[in-house]
Amino acid sequence: MGRPSAPAALRNSEPICRVIGREFKNCTSVLEIGSGTGQHAVYFANKLPWLEWHTSDLEDNHPGIVAWLDEARLDNVRPPFVLDVRHPPNIERKFDAIFSANTAHIMSIAEVESMFRVAASCVHGEGKFCLYGPFNMHGKFTSDSNRQFDASLKSQNQDMGIRDLESLDSFAEANGFRRTGLYAMPANNMIAVWEKH
């Protein structure tokens, strides 16, 4: 069908949706940083119809996202715009919430820090930032599988790797967020939730 498919997105969409459905229940607009294949956007926009879901990613990923959006034909999900945290654009509009999945461990640590700056710049006051993925706690891996995954990432690129939650909290705090939630998810992943204050 010409649509890219990520097996992880097929597995994790429902558990993520349960969490963000609760966290974003009072929101109307969400910016997704790093929409990837577009599968999450279509799934969440379909299941959470009160949200206007805005997709973004590097330009190379846009055709796959558009293919999923064209197939779904949902009224509440928007076509992707170019967002590269290394060279963030000036995003004039504000969103109630920011969501990103499986991005922090494939970015460099400087890019992760920039992602928090981007989130802070385009979220309303008291808006939320939900980040899904594997995180370390107190500098330690939470499972052997995460340790192996981290080694695999670093064998591809030394700048990649599973991030310490405490480092993410420090980036958040530097940009006016404070952590208000942490959810254990399947396959040794988590969702961290920060709120602007």
N, C-alpha and C. Protein backbone atom coordinates (compact mmCIF):
# COMPACT_ATOMS: atom_id res chain seq x y z
N MET A 1 0.82 -1.21 0.00
CA MET A 1 0.00 0.00 0.00
C MET A 1 0.85 1.26 0.00
N GLY A 2 2.17 1.11 0.03
CA GLY A 2 3.04 2.26 0.01
C GLY A 2 3.16 2.99 1.32
N ARG A 3 2.61 2.44 2.38
CA ARG A 3 2.70 3.08 3.69
C ARG A 3 3.77 2.39 4.53
N PRO A 4 4.68 3.15 5.15
CA PRO A 4 5.66 2.52 6.03
C PRO A 4 4.98 1.97 7.27
N SER A 5 5.53 0.91 7.82
CA SER A 5 4.94 0.31 9.01
C SER A 5 6.03 -0.03 10.02
N ALA A 6 5.87 0.48 11.22
CA ALA A 6 6.81 0.20 12.31
C ALA A 6 6.15 -0.79 13.26
N PRO A 7 6.72 -1.99 13.43
CA PRO A 7 6.11 -2.98 14.32
C PRO A 7 5.88 -2.45 15.73
N ALA A 8 6.81 -1.63 16.23
CA ALA A 8 6.65 -1.10 17.59
C ALA A 8 5.40 -0.23 17.69
N ALA A 9 5.11 0.53 16.64
CA ALA A 9 3.92 1.39 16.67
C ALA A 9 2.64 0.56 16.69
N LEU A 10 2.67 -0.58 16.02
CA LEU A 10 1.51 -1.47 16.06
C LEU A 10 1.28 -2.00 17.47
N ARG A 11 2.39 -2.29 18.16
CA ARG A 11 2.27 -2.89 19.51
C ARG A 11 1.92 -1.87 20.58
N ASN A 12 2.48 -0.67 20.46
CA ASN A 12 2.40 0.23 21.62
C ASN A 12 1.30 1.29 21.52
N SER A 13 0.61 1.36 20.38
CA SER A 13 -0.36 2.45 20.20
C SER A 13 -1.46 2.44 21.25
N GLU A 14 -2.04 1.28 21.52
CA GLU A 14 -3.16 1.23 22.46
C GLU A 14 -2.74 1.60 23.89
N PRO A 15 -1.65 1.02 24.45
CA PRO A 15 -1.27 1.44 25.81
C PRO A 15 -0.89 2.92 25.90
N ILE A 16 -0.23 3.45 24.88
CA ILE A 16 0.08 4.88 24.89
C ILE A 16 -1.21 5.68 24.84
N CYS A 17 -2.14 5.26 24.01
CA CYS A 17 -3.39 6.00 23.85
C CYS A 17 -4.16 6.09 25.17
N ARG A 18 -4.12 5.04 25.94
CA ARG A 18 -4.83 5.06 27.23
C ARG A 18 -4.25 6.15 28.13
N VAL A 19 -2.94 6.31 28.12
CA VAL A 19 -2.29 7.31 28.98
C VAL A 19 -2.56 8.72 28.46
N ILE A 20 -2.31 8.95 27.16
CA ILE A 20 -2.47 10.32 26.68
C ILE A 20 -3.94 10.73 26.62
N GLY A 21 -4.82 9.75 26.48
CA GLY A 21 -6.24 10.07 26.55
C GLY A 21 -6.60 10.69 27.89
N ARG A 22 -5.95 10.20 28.94
CA ARG A 22 -6.17 10.74 30.28
C ARG A 22 -5.43 12.07 30.46
N GLU A 23 -4.18 12.12 30.04
CA GLU A 23 -3.36 13.32 30.23
C GLU A 23 -3.84 14.49 29.37
N PHE A 24 -4.37 14.19 28.18
CA PHE A 24 -4.79 15.24 27.25
C PHE A 24 -6.30 15.44 27.23
N LYS A 25 -6.98 15.01 28.28
CA LYS A 25 -8.45 15.06 28.26
C LYS A 25 -8.98 16.49 28.20
N ASN A 26 -8.21 17.46 28.71
CA ASN A 26 -8.65 18.85 28.69
C ASN A 26 -7.94 19.66 27.61
N CYS A 27 -7.26 18.99 26.70
CA CYS A 27 -6.55 19.66 25.62
C CYS A 27 -7.37 19.62 24.33
N THR A 28 -7.04 20.50 23.42
CA THR A 28 -7.69 20.47 22.10
C THR A 28 -6.68 20.33 20.96
N SER A 29 -5.43 20.78 21.17
CA SER A 29 -4.44 20.72 20.10
C SER A 29 -3.15 20.10 20.60
N VAL A 30 -2.58 19.21 19.78
CA VAL A 30 -1.35 18.51 20.14
C VAL A 30 -0.36 18.60 18.98
N LEU A 31 0.89 18.92 19.29
CA LEU A 31 1.97 18.84 18.32
C LEU A 31 2.76 17.57 18.60
N GLU A 32 2.89 16.73 17.58
CA GLU A 32 3.72 15.54 17.71
C GLU A 32 5.09 15.83 17.09
N ILE A 33 6.12 15.76 17.91
CA ILE A 33 7.49 15.95 17.42
C ILE A 33 8.04 14.59 17.00
N GLY A 34 8.36 14.46 15.73
CA GLY A 34 8.89 13.20 15.22
C GLY A 34 7.78 12.20 14.97
N SER A 35 6.93 12.48 13.99
CA SER A 35 5.77 11.61 13.74
C SER A 35 6.14 10.29 13.08
N GLY A 36 7.38 10.16 12.60
CA GLY A 36 7.87 8.88 12.10
C GLY A 36 7.09 8.36 10.91
N THR A 37 6.48 7.20 11.06
CA THR A 37 5.70 6.61 9.97
C THR A 37 4.33 7.27 9.81
N GLY A 38 3.85 7.93 10.86
CA GLY A 38 2.50 8.49 10.85
C GLY A 38 1.46 7.59 11.49
N GLN A 39 1.87 6.38 11.89
CA GLN A 39 0.90 5.44 12.46
C GLN A 39 0.31 5.94 13.77
N HIS A 40 1.15 6.48 14.65
CA HIS A 40 0.64 6.98 15.92
C HIS A 40 -0.37 8.09 15.69
N ALA A 41 -0.04 9.02 14.80
CA ALA A 41 -0.94 10.16 14.56
C ALA A 41 -2.32 9.69 14.15
N VAL A 42 -2.38 8.75 13.23
CA VAL A 42 -3.67 8.24 12.74
C VAL A 42 -4.41 7.51 13.86
N TYR A 43 -3.70 6.68 14.61
CA TYR A 43 -4.34 5.91 15.67
C TYR A 43 -4.91 6.84 16.75
N PHE A 44 -4.08 7.78 17.20
CA PHE A 44 -4.51 8.65 18.30
C PHE A 44 -5.60 9.61 17.85
N ALA A 45 -5.48 10.16 16.65
CA ALA A 45 -6.50 11.08 16.17
C ALA A 45 -7.85 10.37 16.02
N ASN A 46 -7.81 9.11 15.63
CA ASN A 46 -9.05 8.34 15.50
C ASN A 46 -9.67 8.03 16.86
N LYS A 47 -8.84 7.65 17.81
CA LYS A 47 -9.34 7.25 19.13
C LYS A 47 -9.65 8.44 20.04
N LEU A 48 -9.03 9.59 19.78
CA LEU A 48 -9.18 10.77 20.64
C LEU A 48 -9.70 11.92 19.78
N PRO A 49 -10.97 11.85 19.36
CA PRO A 49 -11.47 12.77 18.34
C PRO A 49 -11.56 14.22 18.78
N TRP A 50 -11.46 14.51 20.07
CA TRP A 50 -11.52 15.90 20.52
C TRP A 50 -10.18 16.63 20.30
N LEU A 51 -9.13 15.87 19.94
CA LEU A 51 -7.82 16.47 19.74
C LEU A 51 -7.58 16.79 18.27
N GLU A 52 -7.02 17.96 18.01
CA GLU A 52 -6.49 18.29 16.69
C GLU A 52 -5.01 17.93 16.72
N TRP A 53 -4.63 16.91 15.96
CA TRP A 53 -3.29 16.32 16.02
C TRP A 53 -2.44 16.89 14.89
N HIS A 54 -1.33 17.54 15.24
CA HIS A 54 -0.44 18.16 14.26
C HIS A 54 0.84 17.33 14.15
N THR A 55 1.12 16.85 12.95
CA THR A 55 2.29 16.01 12.73
C THR A 55 3.49 16.85 12.30
N SER A 56 4.69 16.34 12.62
CA SER A 56 5.92 17.01 12.18
C SER A 56 7.03 15.98 12.14
N ASP A 57 8.03 16.24 11.32
CA ASP A 57 9.20 15.37 11.25
C ASP A 57 10.18 15.97 10.26
N LEU A 58 11.32 15.28 10.10
CA LEU A 58 12.25 15.63 9.03
C LEU A 58 11.54 15.42 7.70
N GLU A 59 11.93 16.18 6.70
CA GLU A 59 11.21 16.16 5.42
C GLU A 59 11.22 14.78 4.77
N ASP A 60 12.29 14.01 4.97
CA ASP A 60 12.38 12.68 4.36
C ASP A 60 11.25 11.76 4.79
N ASN A 61 10.69 11.99 5.98
CA ASN A 61 9.64 11.12 6.50
C ASN A 61 8.23 11.57 6.10
N HIS A 62 8.11 12.71 5.46
CA HIS A 62 6.78 13.24 5.15
C HIS A 62 5.97 12.35 4.22
N PRO A 63 6.56 11.75 3.15
CA PRO A 63 5.72 10.93 2.27
C PRO A 63 5.02 9.78 2.99
N GLY A 64 5.71 9.13 3.92
CA GLY A 64 5.09 8.04 4.66
C GLY A 64 3.96 8.52 5.56
N ILE A 65 4.17 9.65 6.23
CA ILE A 65 3.13 10.22 7.09
C ILE A 65 1.91 10.58 6.26
N VAL A 66 2.16 11.24 5.13
CA VAL A 66 1.05 11.66 4.26
C VAL A 66 0.28 10.45 3.74
N ALA A 67 1.00 9.36 3.44
CA ALA A 67 0.33 8.15 2.96
C ALA A 67 -0.65 7.62 4.00
N TRP A 68 -0.24 7.61 5.27
CA TRP A 68 -1.14 7.16 6.34
C TRP A 68 -2.32 8.12 6.51
N LEU A 69 -2.05 9.43 6.45
CA LEU A 69 -3.12 10.41 6.60
C LEU A 69 -4.11 10.34 5.44
N ASP A 70 -3.60 10.14 4.24
CA ASP A 70 -4.49 10.06 3.08
C ASP A 70 -5.40 8.83 3.17
N GLU A 71 -4.85 7.74 3.67
CA GLU A 71 -5.65 6.52 3.81
C GLU A 71 -6.73 6.69 4.88
N ALA A 72 -6.36 7.35 5.99
CA ALA A 72 -7.30 7.48 7.13
C ALA A 72 -8.39 8.52 6.88
N ARG A 73 -8.03 9.61 6.21
CA ARG A 73 -8.99 10.68 5.92
C ARG A 73 -9.71 11.19 7.17
N LEU A 74 -8.93 11.49 8.18
CA LEU A 74 -9.49 12.01 9.42
C LEU A 74 -9.51 13.53 9.39
N ASP A 75 -10.55 14.12 9.96
CA ASP A 75 -10.68 15.57 9.96
C ASP A 75 -9.80 16.25 11.00
N ASN A 76 -9.32 15.49 11.99
CA ASN A 76 -8.63 16.12 13.12
C ASN A 76 -7.13 15.83 13.17
N VAL A 77 -6.55 15.46 12.03
CA VAL A 77 -5.10 15.29 11.99
C VAL A 77 -4.56 16.11 10.82
N ARG A 78 -3.47 16.85 11.07
CA ARG A 78 -2.96 17.80 10.09
C ARG A 78 -1.72 17.25 9.39
N PRO A 79 -1.50 17.66 8.14
CA PRO A 79 -0.32 17.22 7.39
C PRO A 79 0.96 17.65 8.09
N PRO A 80 2.05 16.93 7.85
CA PRO A 80 3.30 17.23 8.55
C PRO A 80 3.94 18.53 8.07
N PHE A 81 4.60 19.19 9.01
CA PHE A 81 5.49 20.29 8.63
C PHE A 81 6.91 19.91 9.04
N VAL A 82 7.87 20.58 8.45
CA VAL A 82 9.27 20.24 8.70
C VAL A 82 9.68 20.74 10.08
N LEU A 83 10.14 19.81 10.90
CA LEU A 83 10.65 20.16 12.22
C LEU A 83 11.92 19.36 12.48
N ASP A 84 13.03 20.06 12.52
CA ASP A 84 14.34 19.48 12.81
C ASP A 84 14.83 20.18 14.06
N VAL A 85 14.94 19.44 15.16
CA VAL A 85 15.32 20.08 16.42
C VAL A 85 16.72 20.67 16.36
N ARG A 86 17.54 20.23 15.40
CA ARG A 86 18.88 20.81 15.25
C ARG A 86 18.80 22.23 14.71
N HIS A 87 17.75 22.51 13.94
CA HIS A 87 17.53 23.84 13.35
C HIS A 87 16.06 24.17 13.48
N PRO A 88 15.58 24.35 14.70
CA PRO A 88 14.13 24.49 14.90
C PRO A 88 13.57 25.74 14.23
N PRO A 89 12.43 25.58 13.57
CA PRO A 89 11.78 26.75 12.96
C PRO A 89 11.10 27.60 14.02
N ASN A 90 10.72 28.78 13.62
CA ASN A 90 9.93 29.64 14.50
C ASN A 90 8.47 29.23 14.36
N ILE A 91 7.97 28.48 15.33
CA ILE A 91 6.59 28.00 15.29
C ILE A 91 5.72 29.04 15.98
N GLU A 92 4.92 29.74 15.20
CA GLU A 92 4.18 30.87 15.74
C GLU A 92 2.97 30.45 16.56
N ARG A 93 2.30 29.37 16.18
CA ARG A 93 1.10 29.00 16.92
C ARG A 93 1.47 28.24 18.19
N LYS A 94 0.56 28.22 19.13
CA LYS A 94 0.76 27.52 20.40
C LYS A 94 -0.17 26.31 20.45
N PHE A 95 0.30 25.28 21.15
CA PHE A 95 -0.46 24.03 21.29
C PHE A 95 -0.72 23.78 22.77
N ASP A 96 -1.78 23.02 23.04
CA ASP A 96 -2.09 22.67 24.43
C ASP A 96 -1.14 21.61 24.97
N ALA A 97 -0.61 20.78 24.07
CA ALA A 97 0.24 19.68 24.51
C ALA A 97 1.23 19.31 23.41
N ILE A 98 2.32 18.70 23.83
CA ILE A 98 3.36 18.18 22.94
C ILE A 98 3.50 16.69 23.22
N PHE A 99 3.64 15.91 22.16
CA PHE A 99 3.86 14.47 22.31
C PHE A 99 5.03 14.05 21.44
N SER A 100 5.83 13.12 21.96
CA SER A 100 6.90 12.54 21.15
C SER A 100 7.15 11.12 21.63
N ALA A 101 7.40 10.23 20.68
CA ALA A 101 7.62 8.82 21.00
C ALA A 101 8.88 8.30 20.32
N ASN A 102 9.68 7.59 21.10
CA ASN A 102 10.87 6.90 20.57
C ASN A 102 11.79 7.84 19.80
N THR A 103 11.99 9.02 20.36
CA THR A 103 12.87 10.00 19.73
C THR A 103 14.13 10.27 20.56
N ALA A 104 14.00 10.33 21.88
CA ALA A 104 15.13 10.77 22.71
C ALA A 104 16.35 9.86 22.59
N HIS A 105 16.13 8.56 22.36
CA HIS A 105 17.28 7.65 22.31
C HIS A 105 17.94 7.60 20.94
N ILE A 106 17.28 8.16 19.91
CA ILE A 106 17.93 8.20 18.59
C ILE A 106 18.48 9.59 18.27
N MET A 107 18.20 10.55 19.12
CA MET A 107 18.80 11.88 19.02
C MET A 107 20.10 11.93 19.82
N SER A 108 20.96 12.87 19.50
CA SER A 108 22.08 13.16 20.38
C SER A 108 21.55 13.85 21.63
N ILE A 109 22.34 13.90 22.68
CA ILE A 109 21.87 14.52 23.91
C ILE A 109 21.62 16.01 23.70
N ALA A 110 22.42 16.65 22.84
CA ALA A 110 22.19 18.07 22.53
C ALA A 110 20.86 18.25 21.80
N GLU A 111 20.51 17.30 20.93
CA GLU A 111 19.23 17.38 20.23
C GLU A 111 18.06 17.15 21.18
N VAL A 112 18.24 16.27 22.15
CA VAL A 112 17.19 16.06 23.16
C VAL A 112 16.95 17.35 23.93
N GLU A 113 18.04 18.00 24.33
CA GLU A 113 17.90 19.27 25.04
C GLU A 113 17.17 20.29 24.17
N SER A 114 17.49 20.31 22.88
CA SER A 114 16.82 21.24 21.97
C SER A 114 15.34 20.91 21.83
N MET A 115 14.99 19.61 21.87
CA MET A 115 13.59 19.23 21.78
C MET A 115 12.79 19.84 22.94
N PHE A 116 13.37 19.88 24.12
CA PHE A 116 12.67 20.49 25.25
C PHE A 116 12.51 21.99 25.04
N ARG A 117 13.50 22.63 24.42
CA ARG A 117 13.37 24.06 24.13
C ARG A 117 12.25 24.30 23.12
N VAL A 118 12.19 23.44 22.10
CA VAL A 118 11.12 23.56 21.10
C VAL A 118 9.76 23.39 21.78
N ALA A 119 9.64 22.36 22.62
CA ALA A 119 8.38 22.10 23.31
C ALA A 119 7.96 23.31 24.14
N ALA A 120 8.91 23.88 24.85
CA ALA A 120 8.60 25.02 25.71
C ALA A 120 8.18 26.24 24.90
N SER A 121 8.75 26.37 23.71
CA SER A 121 8.48 27.57 22.90
C SER A 121 7.10 27.57 22.25
N CYS A 122 6.51 26.39 22.11
CA CYS A 122 5.25 26.35 21.35
C CYS A 122 4.10 25.70 22.12
N VAL A 123 4.23 25.60 23.44
CA VAL A 123 3.13 25.08 24.24
C VAL A 123 2.53 26.22 25.06
N HIS A 124 1.22 26.19 25.23
CA HIS A 124 0.54 27.17 26.05
C HIS A 124 1.03 27.08 27.50
N GLY A 125 0.83 28.17 28.25
CA GLY A 125 1.10 28.12 29.67
C GLY A 125 0.32 27.00 30.32
N GLU A 126 0.97 26.23 31.17
CA GLU A 126 0.40 25.05 31.83
C GLU A 126 0.14 23.91 30.85
N GLY A 127 0.71 24.00 29.65
CA GLY A 127 0.61 22.90 28.70
C GLY A 127 1.48 21.74 29.11
N LYS A 128 1.28 20.59 28.45
CA LYS A 128 1.97 19.36 28.83
C LYS A 128 2.88 18.87 27.72
N PHE A 129 3.91 18.15 28.14
CA PHE A 129 4.82 17.47 27.22
C PHE A 129 4.90 16.02 27.66
N CYS A 130 4.43 15.10 26.82
CA CYS A 130 4.49 13.67 27.10
C CYS A 130 5.54 13.03 26.19
N LEU A 131 6.48 12.34 26.80
CA LEU A 131 7.56 11.69 26.06
C LEU A 131 7.55 10.20 26.37
N TYR A 132 7.46 9.40 25.30
CA TYR A 132 7.43 7.93 25.44
C TYR A 132 8.76 7.34 24.98
N GLY A 133 9.21 6.32 25.70
CA GLY A 133 10.41 5.60 25.28
C GLY A 133 11.06 4.90 26.46
N PRO A 134 12.22 4.29 26.25
CA PRO A 134 12.97 3.69 27.35
C PRO A 134 13.82 4.76 28.04
N PHE A 135 13.80 4.76 29.36
CA PHE A 135 14.60 5.71 30.14
C PHE A 135 15.38 4.95 31.20
N ASN A 136 16.55 5.48 31.55
CA ASN A 136 17.29 4.98 32.71
C ASN A 136 16.80 5.70 33.96
N MET A 137 16.92 5.04 35.09
CA MET A 137 16.55 5.63 36.38
C MET A 137 17.78 5.67 37.26
N HIS A 138 18.11 6.87 37.76
CA HIS A 138 19.28 7.03 38.64
C HIS A 138 20.54 6.49 37.98
N GLY A 139 20.66 6.70 36.67
CA GLY A 139 21.85 6.30 35.95
C GLY A 139 21.97 4.81 35.67
N LYS A 140 20.90 4.06 35.92
CA LYS A 140 20.95 2.60 35.74
C LYS A 140 19.87 2.14 34.77
N PHE A 141 20.20 1.10 34.01
CA PHE A 141 19.21 0.51 33.12
C PHE A 141 18.12 -0.17 33.95
N THR A 142 16.91 -0.12 33.43
CA THR A 142 15.78 -0.72 34.16
C THR A 142 15.57 -2.18 33.79
N SER A 143 16.31 -2.67 32.78
CA SER A 143 16.18 -4.07 32.37
C SER A 143 17.40 -4.47 31.55
N ASP A 144 17.65 -5.78 31.48
CA ASP A 144 18.73 -6.27 30.63
C ASP A 144 18.46 -5.97 29.16
N SER A 145 17.18 -6.04 28.76
CA SER A 145 16.87 -5.77 27.35
C SER A 145 17.17 -4.32 26.98
N ASN A 146 16.94 -3.40 27.92
CA ASN A 146 17.30 -2.00 27.65
C ASN A 146 18.81 -1.82 27.58
N ARG A 147 19.55 -2.54 28.40
CA ARG A 147 21.01 -2.49 28.34
C ARG A 147 21.50 -2.96 26.96
N GLN A 148 20.91 -4.03 26.48
CA GLN A 148 21.29 -4.56 25.16
C GLN A 148 20.87 -3.59 24.05
N PHE A 149 19.70 -2.99 24.20
CA PHE A 149 19.23 -2.03 23.21
C PHE A 149 20.17 -0.83 23.15
N ASP A 150 20.59 -0.35 24.31
CA ASP A 150 21.51 0.79 24.36
C ASP A 150 22.83 0.46 23.65
N ALA A 151 23.34 -0.74 23.90
CA ALA A 151 24.58 -1.16 23.24
C ALA A 151 24.40 -1.22 21.73
N SER A 152 23.24 -1.69 21.29
CA SER A 152 22.95 -1.76 19.86
C SER A 152 22.89 -0.36 19.25
N LEU A 153 22.25 0.57 19.95
CA LEU A 153 22.18 1.95 19.46
C LEU A 153 23.58 2.55 19.32
N LYS A 154 24.39 2.37 20.35
CA LYS A 154 25.74 2.97 20.35
C LYS A 154 26.64 2.33 19.31
N SER A 155 26.36 1.07 18.95
CA SER A 155 27.16 0.44 17.90
C SER A 155 26.85 1.07 16.54
N GLN A 156 25.66 1.66 16.41
CA GLN A 156 25.29 2.35 15.17
C GLN A 156 25.78 3.79 15.16
N ASN A 157 25.68 4.43 16.33
CA ASN A 157 26.05 5.84 16.43
C ASN A 157 26.28 6.15 17.90
N GLN A 158 27.48 6.58 18.23
CA GLN A 158 27.82 6.83 19.64
C GLN A 158 27.00 7.95 20.27
N ASP A 159 26.38 8.78 19.43
CA ASP A 159 25.56 9.87 19.97
C ASP A 159 24.18 9.40 20.43
N MET A 160 23.79 8.19 20.01
CA MET A 160 22.48 7.67 20.41
C MET A 160 22.60 6.93 21.74
N GLY A 161 21.48 6.68 22.39
CA GLY A 161 21.49 5.92 23.63
C GLY A 161 20.30 6.24 24.51
N ILE A 162 20.01 5.35 25.43
CA ILE A 162 18.90 5.56 26.37
C ILE A 162 19.29 6.65 27.35
N ARG A 163 18.38 7.58 27.58
CA ARG A 163 18.67 8.76 28.40
C ARG A 163 18.25 8.56 29.85
N ASP A 164 18.98 9.21 30.74
CA ASP A 164 18.63 9.20 32.16
C ASP A 164 17.42 10.12 32.38
N LEU A 165 16.45 9.62 33.11
CA LEU A 165 15.27 10.44 33.40
C LEU A 165 15.66 11.73 34.11
N GLU A 166 16.68 11.65 34.96
CA GLU A 166 17.11 12.84 35.70
C GLU A 166 17.66 13.91 34.76
N SER A 167 18.32 13.49 33.68
CA SER A 167 18.80 14.46 32.69
C SER A 167 17.62 15.13 31.98
N LEU A 168 16.62 14.32 31.65
CA LEU A 168 15.43 14.86 31.01
C LEU A 168 14.71 15.84 31.93
N ASP A 169 14.65 15.51 33.21
CA ASP A 169 14.04 16.42 34.18
C ASP A 169 14.79 17.75 34.24
N SER A 170 16.12 17.68 34.14
CA SER A 170 16.90 18.93 34.20
C SER A 170 16.66 19.78 32.96
N PHE A 171 16.55 19.15 31.79
CA PHE A 171 16.22 19.90 30.58
C PHE A 171 14.83 20.51 30.71
N ALA A 172 13.91 19.73 31.26
CA ALA A 172 12.54 20.22 31.44
C ALA A 172 12.51 21.43 32.36
N GLU A 173 13.17 21.31 33.49
CA GLU A 173 13.15 22.39 34.48
C GLU A 173 13.79 23.66 33.92
N ALA A 174 14.83 23.50 33.10
CA ALA A 174 15.49 24.66 32.51
C ALA A 174 14.58 25.39 31.53
N ASN A 175 13.54 24.71 31.09
CA ASN A 175 12.61 25.30 30.13
C ASN A 175 11.22 25.53 30.72
N GLY A 176 11.13 25.55 32.04
CA GLY A 176 9.89 25.92 32.69
C GLY A 176 8.88 24.82 32.86
N PHE A 177 9.33 23.55 32.73
CA PHE A 177 8.46 22.40 32.96
C PHE A 177 8.78 21.76 34.31
N ARG A 178 7.81 21.07 34.87
CA ARG A 178 8.07 20.20 36.03
C ARG A 178 7.36 18.88 35.77
N ARG A 179 8.00 17.79 36.20
CA ARG A 179 7.40 16.48 35.94
C ARG A 179 6.21 16.25 36.85
N THR A 180 5.09 15.84 36.25
CA THR A 180 3.86 15.60 37.00
C THR A 180 3.37 14.17 36.89
N GLY A 181 4.05 13.37 36.07
CA GLY A 181 3.60 11.99 35.92
C GLY A 181 4.69 11.11 35.33
N LEU A 182 4.63 9.83 35.67
CA LEU A 182 5.53 8.83 35.11
C LEU A 182 4.77 7.51 35.08
N TYR A 183 4.63 6.94 33.88
CA TYR A 183 3.85 5.72 33.69
C TYR A 183 4.75 4.60 33.20
N ALA A 184 4.68 3.46 33.87
CA ALA A 184 5.35 2.26 33.37
C ALA A 184 4.55 1.71 32.21
N MET A 185 5.25 1.37 31.12
CA MET A 185 4.60 0.90 29.91
C MET A 185 5.16 -0.47 29.53
N PRO A 186 4.49 -1.19 28.62
CA PRO A 186 5.00 -2.50 28.20
C PRO A 186 6.41 -2.41 27.59
N ALA A 187 7.09 -3.55 27.59
CA ALA A 187 8.41 -3.69 26.96
C ALA A 187 9.44 -2.74 27.56
N ASN A 188 9.34 -2.50 28.88
CA ASN A 188 10.33 -1.71 29.62
C ASN A 188 10.44 -0.27 29.13
N ASN A 189 9.33 0.26 28.66
CA ASN A 189 9.26 1.67 28.28
C ASN A 189 8.49 2.45 29.35
N MET A 190 8.48 3.78 29.20
CA MET A 190 7.76 4.66 30.12
C MET A 190 7.18 5.82 29.34
N ILE A 191 6.22 6.49 29.96
CA ILE A 191 5.80 7.81 29.51
C ILE A 191 6.06 8.78 30.65
N ALA A 192 6.87 9.79 30.38
CA ALA A 192 7.10 10.87 31.34
C ALA A 192 6.24 12.06 30.92
N VAL A 193 5.66 12.72 31.90
CA VAL A 193 4.78 13.85 31.65
C VAL A 193 5.32 15.07 32.40
N TRP A 194 5.56 16.13 31.68
CA TRP A 194 5.97 17.40 32.29
C TRP A 194 4.91 18.45 31.98
N GLU A 195 4.73 19.38 32.90
CA GLU A 195 3.74 20.44 32.72
C GLU A 195 4.42 21.78 32.85
N LYS A 196 4.06 22.72 31.99
CA LYS A 196 4.64 24.07 32.03
C LYS A 196 4.11 24.80 33.26
N HIS A 197 4.95 25.57 33.90
CA HIS A 197 4.48 26.32 35.07
C HIS A 197 5.11 27.70 35.06
